[in-house]
Each structure stands twice: as structure tokens, then as C-alpha cells.
Amino acid sequence: MSEQPALVPDRQPLDEHAAASARAYAADQRARVDVLASVLEDIAANGYPSPETGVLWEEARDAHLDRLAGEQPRVA
């Protein structure tokens, strides 16, 4: 990727802070997709994990809600 993309007449450029926020959000989303892809690849290679090694959905939900509560609010 080039550091300076070609300007398109119908687009409004972002200020430095907004551009940095957009890049950080993109990196975060890319990391999440990479984790999902690795899980799917593991399932494809090794099959589904046994139910005994899993986590109850209630525990997973509560852990996720705790993580969300600890994050800083973001604007997309």
C-alpha cells in the first residue's frame, strides 16, 4: 500500500486523529477475523472439539459482557 492514496473527488479526507482511529479499528477487526479463521481451520483439520472441553454459553456470554463493560466507548 502506498502512504498517500490517490485523491478521489467525491471523498472527504479525514483529519489525522480520525484516520488513526479508523486504522486502529481496522487492525482490531482484522485481528478478530484472523482468530475466527484459525478456529475454523482447526475445526476443518481436526474436527469439532468434544463437548466436555467446551464452555457453557452462559459463561461465554458473561465473560464477553464483562470484556465489553471494561472497554472504552468507540464511535465507528
Protein backbone atom coordinates (compact mmCIF):
# COMPACT_ATOMS: atom_id res chain seq x y z
CA MET A 1 0.00 0.00 0.00
CA SER A 2 1.19 3.46 -0.70
CA GLU A 3 1.31 6.01 2.08
CA GLN A 4 -0.59 8.56 0.01
CA PRO A 5 -3.65 7.16 -1.74
CA ALA A 6 -4.89 8.91 -4.85
CA LEU A 7 -7.42 11.60 -4.02
CA VAL A 8 -10.91 10.87 -5.26
CA PRO A 9 -13.02 13.99 -5.92
CA ASP A 10 -16.17 12.71 -4.19
CA ARG A 11 -14.42 11.79 -0.92
CA GLN A 12 -13.75 13.97 2.05
CA PRO A 13 -10.31 13.49 3.62
CA LEU A 14 -10.07 12.60 7.32
CA ASP A 15 -8.06 14.52 9.85
CA GLU A 16 -5.07 12.72 11.38
CA HIS A 17 -6.92 11.63 14.53
CA ALA A 18 -9.88 10.22 12.61
CA ALA A 19 -7.59 8.41 10.17
CA ALA A 20 -5.60 6.90 13.06
CA SER A 21 -8.84 5.78 14.72
CA ALA A 22 -10.07 4.17 11.50
CA ARG A 23 -6.75 2.34 11.07
CA ALA A 24 -6.82 1.12 14.69
CA TYR A 25 -10.39 -0.13 14.27
CA ALA A 26 -9.44 -1.91 11.03
CA ALA A 27 -6.47 -3.57 12.74
CA ASP A 28 -8.71 -4.71 15.61
CA GLN A 29 -11.27 -6.17 13.23
CA ARG A 30 -8.54 -7.86 11.17
CA ALA A 31 -7.19 -9.50 14.34
CA ARG A 32 -10.64 -10.78 15.26
CA VAL A 33 -11.16 -12.24 11.79
CA ASP A 34 -7.73 -13.91 11.96
CA VAL A 35 -8.74 -15.60 15.23
CA LEU A 36 -12.00 -16.82 13.71
CA ALA A 37 -10.19 -18.10 10.61
CA SER A 38 -7.71 -20.04 12.74
CA VAL A 39 -10.55 -21.66 14.71
CA LEU A 40 -12.32 -22.67 11.50
CA GLU A 41 -9.08 -24.05 10.05
CA ASP A 42 -8.53 -26.10 13.23
CA ILE A 43 -12.07 -27.50 13.02
CA ALA A 44 -11.57 -28.35 9.34
CA ALA A 45 -8.27 -30.12 10.09
CA ASN A 46 -9.18 -31.86 13.36
CA GLY A 47 -12.98 -31.96 13.57
CA TYR A 48 -15.23 -30.48 16.22
CA PRO A 49 -13.94 -30.33 19.80
CA SER A 50 -15.60 -32.65 22.31
CA PRO A 51 -18.43 -31.11 24.34
CA GLU A 52 -16.52 -31.83 27.58
CA THR A 53 -13.79 -29.37 26.59
CA GLY A 54 -16.22 -26.58 25.70
CA VAL A 55 -17.53 -23.62 27.66
CA LEU A 56 -21.18 -23.19 28.59
CA TRP A 57 -22.79 -20.42 26.56
CA GLU A 58 -23.84 -18.62 29.72
CA GLU A 59 -20.22 -18.45 30.91
CA ALA A 60 -19.04 -17.29 27.48
CA ARG A 61 -21.77 -14.63 27.38
CA ASP A 62 -20.98 -13.33 30.85
CA ALA A 63 -17.24 -13.19 30.11
CA HIS A 64 -17.92 -11.32 26.88
CA LEU A 65 -20.22 -8.83 28.61
CA ASP A 66 -17.53 -8.26 31.26
CA ARG A 67 -14.98 -7.55 28.50
CA LEU A 68 -17.38 -5.13 26.79
CA ALA A 69 -18.04 -3.31 30.05
CA GLY A 70 -14.31 -2.77 30.52
CA GLU A 71 -13.71 -1.30 27.04
CA GLN A 72 -13.62 2.37 26.26
CA PRO A 73 -16.56 3.60 24.20
CA ARG A 74 -15.84 3.97 20.48
CA VAL A 75 -17.51 5.75 17.65
CA ALA A 76 -17.48 3.94 14.32
